[in-house]
Amino acid sequence: MKFIIQLIISTLAVLISSYLLPGVHIANNSFLTALAVATVLSFLNNVIKPIMILLTIPVTILSLGLFLLVINAGIILITAKIVDGFTVDSFWWALLFSFILSLVTSILQNVKKSDEQ
């Protein structure tokens, strides 16, 4: 049940973030497309991202961790290639989308926690 709630929160965060950013597009603001984006992002973040982090440890150390932002943007660009109806105009929009997505997800999770108490 926790996974489904987290997936719905991520889906809402994807919809809100794409609404806020003109360089990120979800076809017809479709909930199903946003759900697919949230699912693919979840999979890539849990499977591909750790491998990418492991392979880029030297660069990450030299950049004082800032290279992790590049990895996040790359994951979003990969998601845009996989999911039909989800497009990101450039690397910079992907980077900004990752920031906004993290912020919106955090806010929605805090709202959920305050409802539980």
N, C-alpha and C. Protein backbone atom coordinates (compact mmCIF):
# COMPACT_ATOMS: atom_id res chain seq x y z
N MET A 1 0.82 -1.20 0.00
CA MET A 1 0.00 0.00 0.00
C MET A 1 0.86 1.26 0.00
N LYS A 2 1.99 1.20 0.75
CA LYS A 2 2.89 2.35 0.80
C LYS A 2 3.43 2.68 -0.59
N PHE A 3 3.74 1.63 -1.37
CA PHE A 3 4.28 1.84 -2.70
C PHE A 3 3.27 2.55 -3.59
N ILE A 4 2.01 2.15 -3.51
CA ILE A 4 0.96 2.77 -4.34
C ILE A 4 0.77 4.23 -3.96
N ILE A 5 0.77 4.52 -2.68
CA ILE A 5 0.62 5.91 -2.22
C ILE A 5 1.81 6.74 -2.68
N GLN A 6 3.01 6.19 -2.56
CA GLN A 6 4.20 6.90 -3.02
C GLN A 6 4.17 7.12 -4.53
N LEU A 7 3.67 6.15 -5.27
CA LEU A 7 3.56 6.28 -6.72
C LEU A 7 2.55 7.36 -7.10
N ILE A 8 1.45 7.45 -6.39
CA ILE A 8 0.45 8.49 -6.65
C ILE A 8 1.03 9.87 -6.33
N ILE A 9 1.76 9.97 -5.22
CA ILE A 9 2.40 11.24 -4.86
C ILE A 9 3.40 11.64 -5.95
N SER A 10 4.20 10.68 -6.43
CA SER A 10 5.16 10.97 -7.49
C SER A 10 4.47 11.38 -8.78
N THR A 11 3.35 10.73 -9.08
CA THR A 11 2.59 11.08 -10.28
C THR A 11 2.06 12.51 -10.19
N LEU A 12 1.50 12.87 -9.06
CA LEU A 12 1.02 14.24 -8.87
C LEU A 12 2.17 15.23 -8.95
N ALA A 13 3.31 14.87 -8.40
CA ALA A 13 4.48 15.76 -8.45
C ALA A 13 4.96 15.95 -9.89
N VAL A 14 4.91 14.88 -10.69
CA VAL A 14 5.30 14.99 -12.10
C VAL A 14 4.34 15.92 -12.83
N LEU A 15 3.04 15.77 -12.58
CA LEU A 15 2.06 16.64 -13.24
C LEU A 15 2.25 18.10 -12.84
N ILE A 16 2.44 18.35 -11.56
CA ILE A 16 2.61 19.73 -11.08
C ILE A 16 3.90 20.33 -11.64
N SER A 17 4.97 19.55 -11.60
CA SER A 17 6.26 20.05 -12.09
C SER A 17 6.22 20.35 -13.59
N SER A 18 5.56 19.48 -14.34
CA SER A 18 5.47 19.74 -15.79
C SER A 18 4.58 20.93 -16.08
N TYR A 19 3.61 21.18 -15.23
CA TYR A 19 2.75 22.34 -15.40
C TYR A 19 3.54 23.64 -15.14
N LEU A 20 4.47 23.59 -14.18
CA LEU A 20 5.23 24.77 -13.80
C LEU A 20 6.34 25.12 -14.79
N LEU A 21 6.84 24.12 -15.51
CA LEU A 21 7.99 24.33 -16.39
C LEU A 21 7.57 24.27 -17.86
N PRO A 22 7.83 25.32 -18.62
CA PRO A 22 7.42 25.32 -20.02
C PRO A 22 8.28 24.41 -20.91
N GLY A 23 9.42 23.94 -20.43
CA GLY A 23 10.28 23.09 -21.24
C GLY A 23 10.04 21.61 -21.03
N VAL A 24 9.08 21.26 -20.17
CA VAL A 24 8.75 19.87 -19.89
C VAL A 24 7.28 19.67 -20.25
N HIS A 25 7.02 18.66 -21.08
CA HIS A 25 5.66 18.48 -21.60
C HIS A 25 5.15 17.07 -21.35
N ILE A 26 3.91 17.00 -20.88
CA ILE A 26 3.19 15.74 -20.79
C ILE A 26 1.99 15.88 -21.71
N ALA A 27 1.87 14.98 -22.68
CA ALA A 27 0.81 15.08 -23.69
C ALA A 27 -0.56 15.14 -23.02
N ASN A 28 -1.29 16.20 -23.31
CA ASN A 28 -2.66 16.42 -22.81
C ASN A 28 -2.75 16.41 -21.28
N ASN A 29 -1.64 16.66 -20.60
CA ASN A 29 -1.60 16.59 -19.13
C ASN A 29 -2.25 15.30 -18.63
N SER A 30 -1.94 14.21 -19.28
CA SER A 30 -2.54 12.91 -19.01
C SER A 30 -2.02 12.32 -17.70
N PHE A 31 -2.96 11.88 -16.86
CA PHE A 31 -2.59 11.24 -15.60
C PHE A 31 -1.86 9.93 -15.87
N LEU A 32 -2.30 9.19 -16.89
CA LEU A 32 -1.67 7.91 -17.20
C LEU A 32 -0.23 8.09 -17.69
N THR A 33 0.00 9.13 -18.46
CA THR A 33 1.38 9.41 -18.91
C THR A 33 2.24 9.79 -17.71
N ALA A 34 1.70 10.62 -16.83
CA ALA A 34 2.44 11.01 -15.62
C ALA A 34 2.70 9.79 -14.73
N LEU A 35 1.74 8.88 -14.68
CA LEU A 35 1.93 7.64 -13.91
C LEU A 35 3.06 6.80 -14.52
N ALA A 36 3.10 6.74 -15.85
CA ALA A 36 4.17 6.02 -16.53
C ALA A 36 5.52 6.68 -16.26
N VAL A 37 5.56 8.01 -16.28
CA VAL A 37 6.80 8.73 -15.99
C VAL A 37 7.26 8.44 -14.56
N ALA A 38 6.34 8.50 -13.61
CA ALA A 38 6.68 8.23 -12.21
C ALA A 38 7.18 6.80 -12.03
N THR A 39 6.56 5.86 -12.72
CA THR A 39 6.97 4.46 -12.62
C THR A 39 8.36 4.24 -13.22
N VAL A 40 8.59 4.78 -14.40
CA VAL A 40 9.89 4.62 -15.06
C VAL A 40 10.98 5.34 -14.25
N LEU A 41 10.68 6.55 -13.75
CA LEU A 41 11.66 7.26 -12.92
C LEU A 41 12.00 6.45 -11.67
N SER A 42 11.00 5.86 -11.05
CA SER A 42 11.22 5.04 -9.87
C SER A 42 12.14 3.85 -10.20
N PHE A 43 11.85 3.19 -11.31
CA PHE A 43 12.67 2.05 -11.71
C PHE A 43 14.11 2.47 -12.01
N LEU A 44 14.26 3.53 -12.81
CA LEU A 44 15.61 3.98 -13.16
C LEU A 44 16.39 4.47 -11.95
N ASN A 45 15.71 5.15 -11.03
CA ASN A 45 16.39 5.63 -9.82
C ASN A 45 16.83 4.49 -8.92
N ASN A 46 16.11 3.37 -8.95
CA ASN A 46 16.46 2.24 -8.10
C ASN A 46 17.42 1.25 -8.75
N VAL A 47 17.49 1.24 -10.08
CA VAL A 47 18.33 0.25 -10.76
C VAL A 47 19.53 0.89 -11.45
N ILE A 48 19.28 1.87 -12.29
CA ILE A 48 20.35 2.45 -13.12
C ILE A 48 21.17 3.49 -12.36
N LYS A 49 20.51 4.32 -11.57
CA LYS A 49 21.22 5.41 -10.88
C LYS A 49 22.35 4.91 -9.98
N PRO A 50 22.14 3.87 -9.15
CA PRO A 50 23.28 3.40 -8.32
C PRO A 50 24.47 2.94 -9.14
N ILE A 51 24.21 2.34 -10.30
CA ILE A 51 25.31 1.90 -11.17
C ILE A 51 26.05 3.11 -11.71
N MET A 52 25.29 4.11 -12.14
CA MET A 52 25.91 5.33 -12.67
C MET A 52 26.72 6.05 -11.59
N ILE A 53 26.20 6.08 -10.38
CA ILE A 53 26.93 6.72 -9.27
C ILE A 53 28.24 5.97 -9.01
N LEU A 54 28.16 4.66 -9.00
CA LEU A 54 29.35 3.84 -8.75
C LEU A 54 30.42 4.06 -9.83
N LEU A 55 29.98 4.15 -11.08
CA LEU A 55 30.93 4.33 -12.18
C LEU A 55 31.53 5.72 -12.24
N THR A 56 30.87 6.70 -11.61
CA THR A 56 31.35 8.09 -11.69
C THR A 56 31.85 8.62 -10.36
N ILE A 57 32.25 7.74 -9.47
CA ILE A 57 32.74 8.18 -8.16
C ILE A 57 33.89 9.19 -8.27
N PRO A 58 34.91 8.96 -9.11
CA PRO A 58 35.99 9.95 -9.17
C PRO A 58 35.52 11.35 -9.59
N VAL A 59 34.66 11.41 -10.60
CA VAL A 59 34.15 12.70 -11.06
C VAL A 59 33.28 13.34 -9.98
N THR A 60 32.49 12.53 -9.32
CA THR A 60 31.62 13.05 -8.26
C THR A 60 32.45 13.62 -7.11
N ILE A 61 33.53 12.95 -6.76
CA ILE A 61 34.40 13.46 -5.69
C ILE A 61 35.07 14.76 -6.11
N LEU A 62 35.58 14.80 -7.34
CA LEU A 62 36.25 16.01 -7.82
C LEU A 62 35.28 17.20 -7.92
N SER A 63 34.03 16.91 -8.22
CA SER A 63 33.05 18.01 -8.35
C SER A 63 32.33 18.28 -7.03
N LEU A 64 32.80 17.65 -5.96
CA LEU A 64 32.20 17.81 -4.63
C LEU A 64 30.72 17.43 -4.62
N GLY A 65 30.37 16.42 -5.40
CA GLY A 65 29.01 15.89 -5.43
C GLY A 65 28.09 16.53 -6.44
N LEU A 66 28.54 17.58 -7.10
CA LEU A 66 27.67 18.26 -8.06
C LEU A 66 27.38 17.41 -9.29
N PHE A 67 28.22 16.43 -9.58
CA PHE A 67 27.97 15.57 -10.73
C PHE A 67 26.71 14.74 -10.54
N LEU A 68 26.27 14.55 -9.31
CA LEU A 68 25.01 13.83 -9.06
C LEU A 68 23.83 14.55 -9.70
N LEU A 69 23.92 15.87 -9.81
CA LEU A 69 22.86 16.62 -10.49
C LEU A 69 22.82 16.27 -11.97
N VAL A 70 23.97 16.06 -12.57
CA VAL A 70 24.05 15.65 -13.97
C VAL A 70 23.43 14.26 -14.14
N ILE A 71 23.70 13.37 -13.19
CA ILE A 71 23.12 12.03 -13.24
C ILE A 71 21.59 12.12 -13.15
N ASN A 72 21.08 12.96 -12.25
CA ASN A 72 19.62 13.13 -12.12
C ASN A 72 19.02 13.62 -13.43
N ALA A 73 19.63 14.61 -14.05
CA ALA A 73 19.13 15.13 -15.32
C ALA A 73 19.19 14.05 -16.40
N GLY A 74 20.25 13.27 -16.38
CA GLY A 74 20.37 12.17 -17.35
C GLY A 74 19.28 11.13 -17.19
N ILE A 75 18.94 10.81 -15.96
CA ILE A 75 17.86 9.85 -15.69
C ILE A 75 16.54 10.39 -16.24
N ILE A 76 16.31 11.68 -16.08
CA ILE A 76 15.08 12.28 -16.60
C ILE A 76 15.07 12.27 -18.12
N LEU A 77 16.21 12.53 -18.75
CA LEU A 77 16.28 12.48 -20.21
C LEU A 77 16.08 11.05 -20.73
N ILE A 78 16.58 10.07 -20.02
CA ILE A 78 16.35 8.68 -20.40
C ILE A 78 14.86 8.36 -20.29
N THR A 79 14.23 8.84 -19.22
CA THR A 79 12.80 8.64 -19.04
C THR A 79 12.01 9.25 -20.19
N ALA A 80 12.43 10.43 -20.64
CA ALA A 80 11.76 11.09 -21.76
C ALA A 80 11.88 10.27 -23.04
N LYS A 81 12.98 9.55 -23.20
CA LYS A 81 13.14 8.70 -24.38
C LYS A 81 12.26 7.44 -24.30
N ILE A 82 12.03 6.96 -23.09
CA ILE A 82 11.28 5.72 -22.89
C ILE A 82 9.77 5.94 -22.95
N VAL A 83 9.29 6.99 -22.30
CA VAL A 83 7.84 7.20 -22.15
C VAL A 83 7.31 8.07 -23.29
N ASP A 84 6.37 7.53 -24.04
CA ASP A 84 5.71 8.31 -25.09
C ASP A 84 4.81 9.36 -24.45
N GLY A 85 4.83 10.56 -24.99
CA GLY A 85 3.99 11.63 -24.46
C GLY A 85 4.68 12.48 -23.42
N PHE A 86 5.91 12.13 -23.05
CA PHE A 86 6.69 12.91 -22.09
C PHE A 86 7.93 13.42 -22.81
N THR A 87 8.06 14.73 -22.91
CA THR A 87 9.23 15.31 -23.59
C THR A 87 9.87 16.37 -22.72
N VAL A 88 11.17 16.44 -22.82
CA VAL A 88 11.96 17.46 -22.14
C VAL A 88 12.79 18.15 -23.22
N ASP A 89 12.71 19.48 -23.28
CA ASP A 89 13.33 20.22 -24.37
C ASP A 89 14.85 20.20 -24.36
N SER A 90 15.48 20.19 -23.18
CA SER A 90 16.94 20.21 -23.14
C SER A 90 17.45 19.67 -21.81
N PHE A 91 18.76 19.55 -21.73
CA PHE A 91 19.39 19.11 -20.49
C PHE A 91 19.06 20.06 -19.33
N TRP A 92 19.05 21.36 -19.61
CA TRP A 92 18.82 22.34 -18.55
C TRP A 92 17.39 22.25 -18.01
N TRP A 93 16.43 21.97 -18.89
CA TRP A 93 15.06 21.77 -18.43
C TRP A 93 14.98 20.50 -17.58
N ALA A 94 15.73 19.47 -17.96
CA ALA A 94 15.75 18.23 -17.18
C ALA A 94 16.34 18.49 -15.80
N LEU A 95 17.39 19.29 -15.75
CA LEU A 95 18.01 19.63 -14.47
C LEU A 95 17.04 20.41 -13.58
N LEU A 96 16.38 21.40 -14.16
CA LEU A 96 15.40 22.18 -13.40
C LEU A 96 14.21 21.33 -13.00
N PHE A 97 13.79 20.42 -13.88
CA PHE A 97 12.68 19.52 -13.57
C PHE A 97 13.04 18.64 -12.38
N SER A 98 14.28 18.18 -12.30
CA SER A 98 14.68 17.34 -11.16
C SER A 98 14.61 18.12 -9.85
N PHE A 99 15.01 19.40 -9.89
CA PHE A 99 14.90 20.23 -8.69
C PHE A 99 13.45 20.43 -8.28
N ILE A 100 12.63 20.83 -9.23
CA ILE A 100 11.22 21.11 -8.94
C ILE A 100 10.50 19.84 -8.51
N LEU A 101 10.79 18.73 -9.17
CA LEU A 101 10.17 17.46 -8.82
C LEU A 101 10.51 17.06 -7.39
N SER A 102 11.75 17.23 -7.00
CA SER A 102 12.15 16.92 -5.63
C SER A 102 11.43 17.81 -4.62
N LEU A 103 11.34 19.08 -4.94
CA LEU A 103 10.67 20.02 -4.04
C LEU A 103 9.18 19.70 -3.91
N VAL A 104 8.50 19.48 -5.03
CA VAL A 104 7.07 19.19 -4.99
C VAL A 104 6.79 17.85 -4.30
N THR A 105 7.61 16.85 -4.57
CA THR A 105 7.45 15.56 -3.91
C THR A 105 7.61 15.70 -2.40
N SER A 106 8.59 16.47 -1.98
CA SER A 106 8.80 16.70 -0.55
C SER A 106 7.60 17.38 0.09
N ILE A 107 7.06 18.38 -0.58
CA ILE A 107 5.89 19.09 -0.05
C ILE A 107 4.69 18.15 0.05
N LEU A 108 4.45 17.36 -0.99
CA LEU A 108 3.32 16.43 -0.97
C LEU A 108 3.48 15.35 0.10
N GLN A 109 4.70 14.89 0.31
CA GLN A 109 4.94 13.89 1.36
C GLN A 109 4.71 14.49 2.74
N ASN A 110 5.09 15.75 2.93
CA ASN A 110 4.84 16.41 4.22
C ASN A 110 3.34 16.61 4.46
N VAL A 111 2.60 16.91 3.41
CA VAL A 111 1.15 17.03 3.54
C VAL A 111 0.54 15.70 3.93
N LYS A 112 1.01 14.63 3.31
CA LYS A 112 0.53 13.28 3.63
C LYS A 112 0.83 12.93 5.08
N LYS A 113 2.03 13.25 5.55
CA LYS A 113 2.41 12.96 6.93
C LYS A 113 1.57 13.75 7.92
N SER A 114 1.27 15.00 7.60
CA SER A 114 0.46 15.81 8.52
C SER A 114 -0.98 15.32 8.56
N ASP A 115 -1.47 14.70 7.46
CA ASP A 115 -2.82 14.13 7.46
C ASP A 115 -2.89 12.87 8.31
N GLU A 116 -1.78 12.14 8.40
CA GLU A 116 -1.75 10.90 9.17
C GLU A 116 -1.75 11.16 10.67
N GLN A 117 -1.28 12.31 11.07
CA GLN A 117 -1.16 12.58 12.51
C GLN A 117 -2.41 13.09 13.11
